[in-house]
């Protein structure tokens, strides 16, 4: 559905960004919500131009970076083979991908 997403990206991205933030970056979020948040963000990146975050505005890229940092920190003490560990690894991988393709990102 990447082609459909591309046509309506301007309208959809703010809602997806908000959902990612609400689902995963709160202290008391369930691990499954954090995982859903990371997967939704990954879908946004996969659907974007070229499969990376270059096509996102600076505001959206910064928001995703901040969400991934929060999720990684909230799951920092996770044990291997646990959902927290998997979510943390996914968030760090996506964070690395965004930072690799952007010159600057602001972390709040």
PDB file of N, CA and C in Angstrom:
ATOM      1  N   UNK A   1       0.805  -1.197   0.000  1.00  0.00           N
ATOM      2  CA  UNK A   1       0.000   0.000   0.000  1.00  0.00           C
ATOM      3  C   UNK A   1       0.850   1.265   0.000  1.00  0.00           C
ATOM      4  N   UNK A   2       2.110   1.124  -0.306  1.00  0.00           N
ATOM      5  CA  UNK A   2       3.022   2.269  -0.267  1.00  0.00           C
ATOM      6  C   UNK A   2       2.613   3.360  -1.256  1.00  0.00           C
ATOM      7  N   UNK A   3       2.113   2.969  -2.419  1.00  0.00           N
ATOM      8  CA  UNK A   3       1.710   3.972  -3.414  1.00  0.00           C
ATOM      9  C   UNK A   3       0.509   4.775  -2.925  1.00  0.00           C
ATOM     10  N   UNK A   4      -0.429   4.123  -2.297  1.00  0.00           N
ATOM     11  CA  UNK A   4      -1.583   4.819  -1.742  1.00  0.00           C
ATOM     12  C   UNK A   4      -1.144   5.752  -0.626  1.00  0.00           C
ATOM     13  N   UNK A   5      -0.255   5.269   0.227  1.00  0.00           N
ATOM     14  CA  UNK A   5       0.272   6.092   1.312  1.00  0.00           C
ATOM     15  C   UNK A   5       0.937   7.344   0.753  1.00  0.00           C
ATOM     16  N   UNK A   6       1.722   7.202  -0.286  1.00  0.00           N
ATOM     17  CA  UNK A   6       2.475   8.329  -0.834  1.00  0.00           C
ATOM     18  C   UNK A   6       1.540   9.446  -1.299  1.00  0.00           C
ATOM     19  N   UNK A   7       0.409   9.091  -1.871  1.00  0.00           N
ATOM     20  CA  UNK A   7      -0.538  10.103  -2.354  1.00  0.00           C
ATOM     21  C   UNK A   7      -1.173  10.892  -1.212  1.00  0.00           C
ATOM     22  N   UNK A   8      -1.332  10.253  -0.053  1.00  0.00           N
ATOM     23  CA  UNK A   8      -2.022  10.886   1.071  1.00  0.00           C
ATOM     24  C   UNK A   8      -1.107  11.106   2.275  1.00  0.00           C
ATOM     25  N   UNK A   9       0.200  11.060   2.039  1.00  0.00           N
ATOM     26  CA  UNK A   9       1.168  11.140   3.134  1.00  0.00           C
ATOM     27  C   UNK A   9       1.003  12.405   3.964  1.00  0.00           C
ATOM     28  N   UNK A  10       0.756  13.519   3.326  1.00  0.00           N
ATOM     29  CA  UNK A  10       0.638  14.790   4.049  1.00  0.00           C
ATOM     30  C   UNK A  10      -0.503  14.731   5.063  1.00  0.00           C
ATOM     31  N   UNK A  11      -1.576  14.037   4.733  1.00  0.00           N
ATOM     32  CA  UNK A  11      -2.708  13.937   5.640  1.00  0.00           C
ATOM     33  C   UNK A  11      -2.526  12.843   6.693  1.00  0.00           C
ATOM     34  N   UNK A  12      -1.867  11.752   6.324  1.00  0.00           N
ATOM     35  CA  UNK A  12      -1.790  10.583   7.196  1.00  0.00           C
ATOM     36  C   UNK A  12      -0.661  10.667   8.215  1.00  0.00           C
ATOM     37  N   UNK A  13       0.500  11.182   7.826  1.00  0.00           N
ATOM     38  CA  UNK A  13       1.678  11.157   8.697  1.00  0.00           C
ATOM     39  C   UNK A  13       1.439  11.810  10.061  1.00  0.00           C
ATOM     40  N   UNK A  14       0.798  12.971  10.141  1.00  0.00           N
ATOM     41  CA  UNK A  14       0.587  13.541  11.480  1.00  0.00           C
ATOM     42  C   UNK A  14      -0.212  12.621  12.414  1.00  0.00           C
ATOM     43  N   UNK A  15      -1.201  11.919  11.876  1.00  0.00           N
ATOM     44  CA  UNK A  15      -1.996  11.009  12.698  1.00  0.00           C
ATOM     45  C   UNK A  15      -1.186   9.775  13.105  1.00  0.00           C
ATOM     46  N   UNK A  16      -0.390   9.263  12.172  1.00  0.00           N
ATOM     47  CA  UNK A  16       0.446   8.112  12.486  1.00  0.00           C
ATOM     48  C   UNK A  16       1.503   8.489  13.527  1.00  0.00           C
ATOM     49  N   UNK A  17       2.093   9.666  13.372  1.00  0.00           N
ATOM     50  CA  UNK A  17       3.102  10.130  14.327  1.00  0.00           C
ATOM     51  C   UNK A  17       2.487  10.265  15.718  1.00  0.00           C
ATOM     52  N   UNK A  18       1.288  10.811  15.784  1.00  0.00           N
ATOM     53  CA  UNK A  18       0.597  10.970  17.062  1.00  0.00           C
ATOM     54  C   UNK A  18       0.291   9.605  17.681  1.00  0.00           C
ATOM     55  N   UNK A  19      -0.157   8.662  16.872  1.00  0.00           N
ATOM     56  CA  UNK A  19      -0.460   7.317  17.373  1.00  0.00           C
ATOM     57  C   UNK A  19       0.801   6.630  17.886  1.00  0.00           C
ATOM     58  N   UNK A  20       1.906   6.784  17.164  1.00  0.00           N
ATOM     59  CA  UNK A  20       3.174   6.197  17.598  1.00  0.00           C
ATOM     60  C   UNK A  20       3.571   6.760  18.957  1.00  0.00           C
ATOM     61  N   UNK A  21       3.426   8.051  19.113  1.00  0.00           N
ATOM     62  CA  UNK A  21       3.783   8.705  20.365  1.00  0.00           C
ATOM     63  C   UNK A  21       2.883   8.243  21.514  1.00  0.00           C
ATOM     64  N   UNK A  22       1.593   8.207  21.285  1.00  0.00           N
ATOM     65  CA  UNK A  22       0.661   7.806  22.338  1.00  0.00           C
ATOM     66  C   UNK A  22       0.836   6.353  22.756  1.00  0.00           C
ATOM     67  N   UNK A  23       1.088   5.501  21.796  1.00  0.00           N
ATOM     68  CA  UNK A  23       1.167   4.077  22.093  1.00  0.00           C
ATOM     69  C   UNK A  23       2.433   3.673  22.842  1.00  0.00           C
ATOM     70  N   UNK A  24       3.552   4.304  22.516  1.00  0.00           N
ATOM     71  CA  UNK A  24       4.783   3.735  23.000  1.00  0.00           C
ATOM     72  C   UNK A  24       5.652   4.529  23.922  1.00  0.00           C
ATOM     73  N   UNK A  25       5.453   5.805  24.059  1.00  0.00           N
ATOM     74  CA  UNK A  25       6.459   6.589  24.776  1.00  0.00           C
ATOM     75  C   UNK A  25       6.092   6.943  26.214  1.00  0.00           C
ATOM     76  N   UNK A  26       4.993   6.420  26.704  1.00  0.00           N
ATOM     77  CA  UNK A  26       4.619   6.710  28.087  1.00  0.00           C
ATOM     78  C   UNK A  26       5.223   5.680  29.036  1.00  0.00           C
ATOM     79  N   UNK A  27       5.523   6.107  30.234  1.00  0.00           N
ATOM     80  CA  UNK A  27       6.185   5.269  31.219  1.00  0.00           C
ATOM     81  C   UNK A  27       5.412   3.989  31.521  1.00  0.00           C
ATOM     82  N   UNK A  28       4.097   4.078  31.552  1.00  0.00           N
ATOM     83  CA  UNK A  28       3.288   2.926  31.951  1.00  0.00           C
ATOM     84  C   UNK A  28       2.633   2.209  30.774  1.00  0.00           C
ATOM     85  N   UNK A  29       3.146   2.411  29.584  1.00  0.00           N
ATOM     86  CA  UNK A  29       2.618   1.702  28.421  1.00  0.00           C
ATOM     87  C   UNK A  29       2.937   0.215  28.524  1.00  0.00           C
ATOM     88  N   UNK A  30       1.998  -0.607  28.098  1.00  0.00           N
ATOM     89  CA  UNK A  30       2.238  -2.047  28.059  1.00  0.00           C
ATOM     90  C   UNK A  30       3.287  -2.341  26.994  1.00  0.00           C
ATOM     91  N   UNK A  31       4.070  -3.383  27.175  1.00  0.00           N
ATOM     92  CA  UNK A  31       5.090  -3.729  26.182  1.00  0.00           C
ATOM     93  C   UNK A  31       4.506  -3.948  24.781  1.00  0.00           C
ATOM     94  N   UNK A  32       3.302  -4.496  24.730  1.00  0.00           N
ATOM     95  CA  UNK A  32       2.676  -4.734  23.438  1.00  0.00           C
ATOM     96  C   UNK A  32       2.363  -3.415  22.727  1.00  0.00           C
ATOM     97  N   UNK A  33       1.989  -2.378  23.479  1.00  0.00           N
ATOM     98  CA  UNK A  33       1.729  -1.068  22.883  1.00  0.00           C
ATOM     99  C   UNK A  33       3.020  -0.450  22.366  1.00  0.00           C
ATOM    100  N   UNK A  34       4.094  -0.624  23.119  1.00  0.00           N
ATOM    101  CA  UNK A  34       5.392  -0.116  22.659  1.00  0.00           C
ATOM    102  C   UNK A  34       5.823  -0.832  21.385  1.00  0.00           C
ATOM    103  N   UNK A  35       5.596  -2.134  21.349  1.00  0.00           N
ATOM    104  CA  UNK A  35       5.948  -2.904  20.151  1.00  0.00           C
ATOM    105  C   UNK A  35       5.100  -2.446  18.957  1.00  0.00           C
ATOM    106  N   UNK A  36       3.823  -2.235  19.183  1.00  0.00           N
ATOM    107  CA  UNK A  36       2.952  -1.733  18.119  1.00  0.00           C
ATOM    108  C   UNK A  36       3.414  -0.360  17.651  1.00  0.00           C
ATOM    109  N   UNK A  37       3.825   0.479  18.574  1.00  0.00           N
ATOM    110  CA  UNK A  37       4.334   1.802  18.246  1.00  0.00           C
ATOM    111  C   UNK A  37       5.556   1.715  17.341  1.00  0.00           C
ATOM    112  N   UNK A  38       6.481   0.841  17.691  1.00  0.00           N
ATOM    113  CA  UNK A  38       7.692   0.674  16.888  1.00  0.00           C
ATOM    114  C   UNK A  38       7.354   0.122  15.512  1.00  0.00           C
ATOM    115  N   UNK A  39       6.454  -0.819  15.455  1.00  0.00           N
ATOM    116  CA  UNK A  39       6.078  -1.402  14.157  1.00  0.00           C
ATOM    117  C   UNK A  39       5.348  -0.391  13.267  1.00  0.00           C
ATOM    118  N   UNK A  40       4.526   0.438  13.870  1.00  0.00           N
ATOM    119  CA  UNK A  40       3.846   1.480  13.105  1.00  0.00           C
ATOM    120  C   UNK A  40       4.853   2.488  12.554  1.00  0.00           C
ATOM    121  N   UNK A  41       5.820   2.862  13.372  1.00  0.00           N
ATOM    122  CA  UNK A  41       6.874   3.769  12.907  1.00  0.00           C
ATOM    123  C   UNK A  41       7.696   3.118  11.804  1.00  0.00           C
ATOM    124  N   UNK A  42       7.976   1.837  11.947  1.00  0.00           N
ATOM    125  CA  UNK A  42       8.720   1.125  10.913  1.00  0.00           C
ATOM    126  C   UNK A  42       7.932   1.107   9.603  1.00  0.00           C
ATOM    127  N   UNK A  43       6.638   0.923   9.685  1.00  0.00           N
ATOM    128  CA  UNK A  43       5.787   0.948   8.505  1.00  0.00           C
ATOM    129  C   UNK A  43       5.823   2.327   7.843  1.00  0.00           C
ATOM    130  N   UNK A  44       5.783   3.379   8.648  1.00  0.00           N
ATOM    131  CA  UNK A  44       5.884   4.737   8.093  1.00  0.00           C
ATOM    132  C   UNK A  44       7.188   4.902   7.317  1.00  0.00           C
ATOM    133  N   UNK A  45       8.279   4.396   7.875  1.00  0.00           N
ATOM    134  CA  UNK A  45       9.577   4.519   7.223  1.00  0.00           C
ATOM    135  C   UNK A  45       9.624   3.679   5.949  1.00  0.00           C
ATOM    136  N   UNK A  46       9.099   2.458   6.014  1.00  0.00           N
ATOM    137  CA  UNK A  46       9.088   1.593   4.832  1.00  0.00           C
ATOM    138  C   UNK A  46       8.247   2.184   3.705  1.00  0.00           C
ATOM    139  N   UNK A  47       7.175   2.853   4.040  1.00  0.00           N
ATOM    140  CA  UNK A  47       6.300   3.438   3.038  1.00  0.00           C
ATOM    141  C   UNK A  47       6.832   4.757   2.489  1.00  0.00           C
ATOM    142  N   UNK A  48       7.783   5.352   3.163  1.00  0.00           N
ATOM    143  CA  UNK A  48       8.301   6.643   2.707  1.00  0.00           C
ATOM    144  C   UNK A  48       9.175   6.450   1.471  1.00  0.00           C
ATOM    145  N   UNK A  49       9.528   7.536   0.831  1.00  0.00           N
ATOM    146  CA  UNK A  49      10.364   7.500  -0.369  1.00  0.00           C
ATOM    147  C   UNK A  49      11.673   6.795  -0.086  1.00  0.00           C
ATOM    148  N   UNK A  50      11.957   5.739  -0.806  1.00  0.00           N
ATOM    149  CA  UNK A  50      13.229   5.053  -0.669  1.00  0.00           C
ATOM    150  C   UNK A  50      13.361   4.182   0.565  1.00  0.00           C
ATOM    151  N   UNK A  51      12.332   4.089   1.382  1.00  0.00           N
ATOM    152  CA  UNK A  51      12.396   3.245   2.559  1.00  0.00           C
ATOM    153  C   UNK A  51      13.264   3.787   3.678  1.00  0.00           C
ATOM    154  N   UNK A  52      13.525   5.094   3.663  1.00  0.00           N
ATOM    155  CA  UNK A  52      14.260   5.695   4.775  1.00  0.00           C
ATOM    156  C   UNK A  52      13.570   6.996   5.167  1.00  0.00           C
ATOM    157  N   UNK A  53      14.100   7.660   6.159  1.00  0.00           N
ATOM    158  CA  UNK A  53      13.441   8.843   6.728  1.00  0.00           C
ATOM    159  C   UNK A  53      13.840  10.150   6.053  1.00  0.00           C
ATOM    160  N   UNK A  54      14.525  10.089   4.915  1.00  0.00           N
ATOM    161  CA  UNK A  54      14.938  11.320   4.238  1.00  0.00           C
ATOM    162  C   UNK A  54      13.751  12.155   3.785  1.00  0.00           C
ATOM    163  N   UNK A  55      12.660  11.502   3.433  1.00  0.00           N
ATOM    164  CA  UNK A  55      11.515  12.233   2.900  1.00  0.00           C
ATOM    165  C   UNK A  55      10.653  12.881   3.979  1.00  0.00           C
ATOM    166  N   UNK A  56      10.878  12.525   5.248  1.00  0.00           N
ATOM    167  CA  UNK A  56      10.097  13.129   6.319  1.00  0.00           C
ATOM    168  C   UNK A  56      10.564  14.546   6.598  1.00  0.00           C
ATOM    169  N   UNK A  57       9.645  15.360   7.040  1.00  0.00           N
ATOM    170  CA  UNK A  57      10.025  16.707   7.474  1.00  0.00           C
ATOM    171  C   UNK A  57      10.910  16.587   8.707  1.00  0.00           C
ATOM    172  N   UNK A  58      11.627  17.647   9.017  1.00  0.00           N
ATOM    173  CA  UNK A  58      12.486  17.638  10.196  1.00  0.00           C
ATOM    174  C   UNK A  58      11.667  17.401  11.458  1.00  0.00           C
ATOM    175  N   UNK A  59      10.463  17.965  11.495  1.00  0.00           N
ATOM    176  CA  UNK A  59       9.593  17.821  12.663  1.00  0.00           C
ATOM    177  C   UNK A  59       9.198  16.359  12.885  1.00  0.00           C
ATOM    178  N   UNK A  60       8.843  15.667  11.826  1.00  0.00           N
ATOM    179  CA  UNK A  60       8.452  14.261  11.942  1.00  0.00           C
ATOM    180  C   UNK A  60       9.663  13.404  12.301  1.00  0.00           C
ATOM    181  N   UNK A  61      10.793  13.651  11.664  1.00  0.00           N
ATOM    182  CA  UNK A  61      12.011  12.893  11.969  1.00  0.00           C
ATOM    183  C   UNK A  61      12.417  13.092  13.425  1.00  0.00           C
ATOM    184  N   UNK A  62      12.364  14.326  13.902  1.00  0.00           N
ATOM    185  CA  UNK A  62      12.700  14.596  15.304  1.00  0.00           C
ATOM    186  C   UNK A  62      11.746  13.872  16.250  1.00  0.00           C
ATOM    187  N   UNK A  63      10.469  13.882  15.919  1.00  0.00           N
ATOM    188  CA  UNK A  63       9.485  13.207  16.767  1.00  0.00           C
ATOM    189  C   UNK A  63       9.765  11.707  16.835  1.00  0.00           C
ATOM    190  N   UNK A  64      10.058  11.086  15.684  1.00  0.00           N
ATOM    191  CA  UNK A  64      10.358   9.659  15.680  1.00  0.00           C
ATOM    192  C   UNK A  64      11.632   9.360  16.465  1.00  0.00           C
ATOM    193  N   UNK A  65      12.653  10.182  16.298  1.00  0.00           N
ATOM    194  CA  UNK A  65      13.901   9.991  17.046  1.00  0.00           C
ATOM    195  C   UNK A  65      13.624  10.048  18.544  1.00  0.00           C
ATOM    196  N   UNK A  66      12.865  11.032  18.977  1.00  0.00           N
ATOM    197  CA  UNK A  66      12.553  11.163  20.402  1.00  0.00           C
ATOM    198  C   UNK A  66      11.751   9.970  20.917  1.00  0.00           C
ATOM    199  N   UNK A  67      10.829   9.494  20.130  1.00  0.00           N
ATOM    200  CA  UNK A  67      10.027   8.333  20.531  1.00  0.00           C
ATOM    201  C   UNK A  67      10.913   7.101  20.654  1.00  0.00           C
ATOM    202  N   UNK A  68      11.813   6.891  19.690  1.00  0.00           N
ATOM    203  CA  UNK A  68      12.692   5.724  19.744  1.00  0.00           C
ATOM    204  C   UNK A  68      13.647   5.801  20.933  1.00  0.00           C
ATOM    205  N   UNK A  69      14.145   6.990  21.235  1.00  0.00           N
ATOM    206  CA  UNK A  69      15.024   7.150  22.394  1.00  0.00           C
ATOM    207  C   UNK A  69      14.258   6.818  23.670  1.00  0.00           C
ATOM    208  N   UNK A  70      13.042   7.330  23.807  1.00  0.00           N
ATOM    209  CA  UNK A  70      12.235   7.049  25.009  1.00  0.00           C
ATOM    210  C   UNK A  70      11.949   5.557  25.150  1.00  0.00           C
ATOM    211  N   UNK A  71      11.553   4.931  24.042  1.00  0.00           N
ATOM    212  CA  UNK A  71      11.237   3.502  24.095  1.00  0.00           C
ATOM    213  C   UNK A  71      12.485   2.700  24.469  1.00  0.00           C
ATOM    214  N   UNK A  72      13.620   3.052  23.893  1.00  0.00           N
ATOM    215  CA  UNK A  72      14.863   2.339  24.219  1.00  0.00           C
ATOM    216  C   UNK A  72      15.218   2.520  25.689  1.00  0.00           C
ATOM    217  N   UNK A  73      15.056   3.726  26.205  1.00  0.00           N
ATOM    218  CA  UNK A  73      15.383   3.967  27.617  1.00  0.00           C
ATOM    219  C   UNK A  73      14.381   3.310  28.560  1.00  0.00           C
ATOM    220  N   UNK A  74      13.113   3.302  28.188  1.00  0.00           N
ATOM    221  CA  UNK A  74      12.103   2.667  29.036  1.00  0.00           C
ATOM    222  C   UNK A  74      12.300   1.163  29.125  1.00  0.00           C
ATOM    223  N   UNK A  75      12.963   0.594  28.136  1.00  0.00           N
ATOM    224  CA  UNK A  75      13.194  -0.850  28.100  1.00  0.00           C
ATOM    225  C   UNK A  75      14.665  -1.191  28.326  1.00  0.00           C
ATOM    226  N   UNK A  76      15.422  -0.282  28.921  1.00  0.00           N
ATOM    227  CA  UNK A  76      16.875  -0.443  29.052  1.00  0.00           C
ATOM    228  C   UNK A  76      17.274  -1.636  29.904  1.00  0.00           C
ATOM    229  N   UNK A  77      16.498  -1.967  30.894  1.00  0.00           N
ATOM    230  CA  UNK A  77      16.859  -3.060  31.792  1.00  0.00           C
ATOM    231  C   UNK A  77      16.166  -4.364  31.412  1.00  0.00           C
ATOM    232  N   UNK A  78      15.862  -4.513  30.161  1.00  0.00           N
ATOM    233  CA  UNK A  78      15.148  -5.707  29.716  1.00  0.00           C
ATOM    234  C   UNK A  78      16.070  -6.920  29.664  1.00  0.00           C
ATOM    235  N   UNK A  79      15.473  -8.067  29.852  1.00  0.00           N
ATOM    236  CA  UNK A  79      16.210  -9.328  29.814  1.00  0.00           C
ATOM    237  C   UNK A  79      16.079  -9.929  28.411  1.00  0.00           C
ATOM    238  N   UNK A  80      17.128 -10.623  27.962  1.00  0.00           N
ATOM    239  CA  UNK A  80      17.037 -11.283  26.649  1.00  0.00           C
ATOM    240  C   UNK A  80      15.830 -12.214  26.584  1.00  0.00           C
ATOM    241  N   UNK A  81      15.340 -12.412  25.387  1.00  0.00           N
ATOM    242  CA  UNK A  81      14.186 -13.274  25.127  1.00  0.00           C
ATOM    243  C   UNK A  81      12.913 -12.772  25.794  1.00  0.00           C
ATOM    244  N   UNK A  82      12.811 -11.484  26.015  1.00  0.00           N
ATOM    245  CA  UNK A  82      11.616 -10.875  26.588  1.00  0.00           C
ATOM    246  C   UNK A  82      11.126  -9.812  25.609  1.00  0.00           C
ATOM    247  N   UNK A  83       9.837  -9.518  25.642  1.00  0.00           N
ATOM    248  CA  UNK A  83       9.271  -8.551  24.704  1.00  0.00           C
ATOM    249  C   UNK A  83       9.948  -7.186  24.837  1.00  0.00           C
ATOM    250  N   UNK A  84      10.321  -6.792  26.052  1.00  0.00           N
ATOM    251  CA  UNK A  84      10.990  -5.509  26.249  1.00  0.00           C
ATOM    252  C   UNK A  84      12.319  -5.457  25.495  1.00  0.00           C
ATOM    253  N   UNK A  85      13.038  -6.553  25.532  1.00  0.00           N
ATOM    254  CA  UNK A  85      14.338  -6.614  24.841  1.00  0.00           C
ATOM    255  C   UNK A  85      14.149  -6.483  23.332  1.00  0.00           C
ATOM    256  N   UNK A  86      13.169  -7.186  22.800  1.00  0.00           N
ATOM    257  CA  UNK A  86      12.883  -7.135  21.356  1.00  0.00           C
ATOM    258  C   UNK A  86      12.461  -5.727  20.932  1.00  0.00           C
ATOM    259  N   UNK A  87      11.608  -5.102  21.726  1.00  0.00           N
ATOM    260  CA  UNK A  87      11.142  -3.743  21.411  1.00  0.00           C
ATOM    261  C   UNK A  87      12.309  -2.762  21.451  1.00  0.00           C
ATOM    262  N   UNK A  88      13.148  -2.901  22.450  1.00  0.00           N
ATOM    263  CA  UNK A  88      14.319  -2.025  22.570  1.00  0.00           C
ATOM    264  C   UNK A  88      15.234  -2.182  21.358  1.00  0.00           C
ATOM    265  N   UNK A  89      15.482  -3.424  20.952  1.00  0.00           N
ATOM    266  CA  UNK A  89      16.348  -3.679  19.792  1.00  0.00           C
ATOM    267  C   UNK A  89      15.748  -3.088  18.523  1.00  0.00           C
ATOM    268  N   UNK A  90      14.443  -3.231  18.337  1.00  0.00           N
ATOM    269  CA  UNK A  90      13.782  -2.669  17.155  1.00  0.00           C
ATOM    270  C   UNK A  90      13.858  -1.147  17.166  1.00  0.00           C
ATOM    271  N   UNK A  91      13.612  -0.548  18.318  1.00  0.00           N
ATOM    272  CA  UNK A  91      13.654   0.915  18.423  1.00  0.00           C
ATOM    273  C   UNK A  91      15.062   1.436  18.145  1.00  0.00           C
ATOM    274  N   UNK A  92      16.073   0.780  18.677  1.00  0.00           N
ATOM    275  CA  UNK A  92      17.449   1.220  18.444  1.00  0.00           C
ATOM    276  C   UNK A  92      17.852   1.059  16.981  1.00  0.00           C
ATOM    277  N   UNK A  93      17.378   0.010  16.349  1.00  0.00           N
ATOM    278  CA  UNK A  93      17.674  -0.201  14.928  1.00  0.00           C
ATOM    279  C   UNK A  93      17.051   0.905  14.077  1.00  0.00           C
ATOM    280  N   UNK A  94      15.795   1.243  14.352  1.00  0.00           N
ATOM    281  CA  UNK A  94      15.128   2.316  13.607  1.00  0.00           C
ATOM    282  C   UNK A  94      15.761   3.667  13.908  1.00  0.00           C
ATOM    283  N   UNK A  95      16.145   3.884  15.158  1.00  0.00           N
ATOM    284  CA  UNK A  95      16.828   5.119  15.537  1.00  0.00           C
ATOM    285  C   UNK A  95      18.127   5.260  14.749  1.00  0.00           C
ATOM    286  N   UNK A  96      18.888   4.202  14.667  1.00  0.00           N
ATOM    287  CA  UNK A  96      20.140   4.224  13.918  1.00  0.00           C
ATOM    288  C   UNK A  96      19.884   4.526  12.441  1.00  0.00           C
ATOM    289  N   UNK A  97      18.819   3.965  11.884  1.00  0.00           N
ATOM    290  CA  UNK A  97      18.482   4.223  10.485  1.00  0.00           C
ATOM    291  C   UNK A  97      18.130   5.676  10.222  1.00  0.00           C
ATOM    292  N   UNK A  98      17.378   6.283  11.116  1.00  0.00           N
ATOM    293  CA  UNK A  98      17.013   7.690  10.940  1.00  0.00           C
ATOM    294  C   UNK A  98      18.236   8.578  11.074  1.00  0.00           C
ATOM    295  N   UNK A  99      19.039   8.324  12.081  1.00  0.00           N
ATOM    296  CA  UNK A  99      20.225   9.152  12.298  1.00  0.00           C
ATOM    297  C   UNK A  99      21.206   9.009  11.141  1.00  0.00           C
ATOM    298  N   UNK A 100      21.299   7.826  10.555  1.00  0.00           N
ATOM    299  CA  UNK A 100      22.223   7.596   9.447  1.00  0.00           C
ATOM    300  C   UNK A 100      21.855   8.401   8.197  1.00  0.00           C
ATOM    301  N   UNK A 101      20.569   8.669   7.994  1.00  0.00           N
ATOM    302  CA  UNK A 101      20.168   9.365   6.762  1.00  0.00           C
ATOM    303  C   UNK A 101      19.832  10.840   6.976  1.00  0.00           C
ATOM    304  N   UNK A 102      19.939  11.325   8.199  1.00  0.00           N
ATOM    305  CA  UNK A 102      19.670  12.739   8.485  1.00  0.00           C
ATOM    306  C   UNK A 102      20.923  13.396   9.027  1.00  0.00           C
ATOM    307  N   UNK A 103      21.133  14.644   8.686  1.00  0.00           N
ATOM    308  CA  UNK A 103      22.323  15.335   9.180  1.00  0.00           C
ATOM    309  C   UNK A 103      22.146  15.765  10.632  1.00  0.00           C
ATOM    310  N   UNK A 104      20.961  16.196  10.994  1.00  0.00           N
ATOM    311  CA  UNK A 104      20.711  16.621  12.363  1.00  0.00           C
ATOM    312  C   UNK A 104      19.360  16.105  12.831  1.00  0.00           C
ATOM    313  N   UNK A 105      19.286  15.843  14.114  1.00  0.00           N
ATOM    314  CA  UNK A 105      18.030  15.486  14.775  1.00  0.00           C
ATOM    315  C   UNK A 105      18.061  16.119  16.153  1.00  0.00           C
ATOM    316  N   UNK A 106      16.934  16.644  16.575  1.00  0.00           N
ATOM    317  CA  UNK A 106      16.831  17.262  17.886  1.00  0.00           C
ATOM    318  C   UNK A 106      16.190  16.307  18.865  1.00  0.00           C
ATOM    319  N   UNK A 107      16.877  16.075  19.973  1.00  0.00           N
ATOM    320  CA  UNK A 107      16.335  15.213  21.024  1.00  0.00           C
ATOM    321  C   UNK A 107      15.921  16.086  22.194  1.00  0.00           C
ATOM    322  N   UNK A 108      14.653  15.973  22.555  1.00  0.00           N
ATOM    323  CA  UNK A 108      14.113  16.767  23.667  1.00  0.00           C
ATOM    324  C   UNK A 108      14.306  16.057  24.982  1.00  0.00           C
TER     325      UNK A 108
END
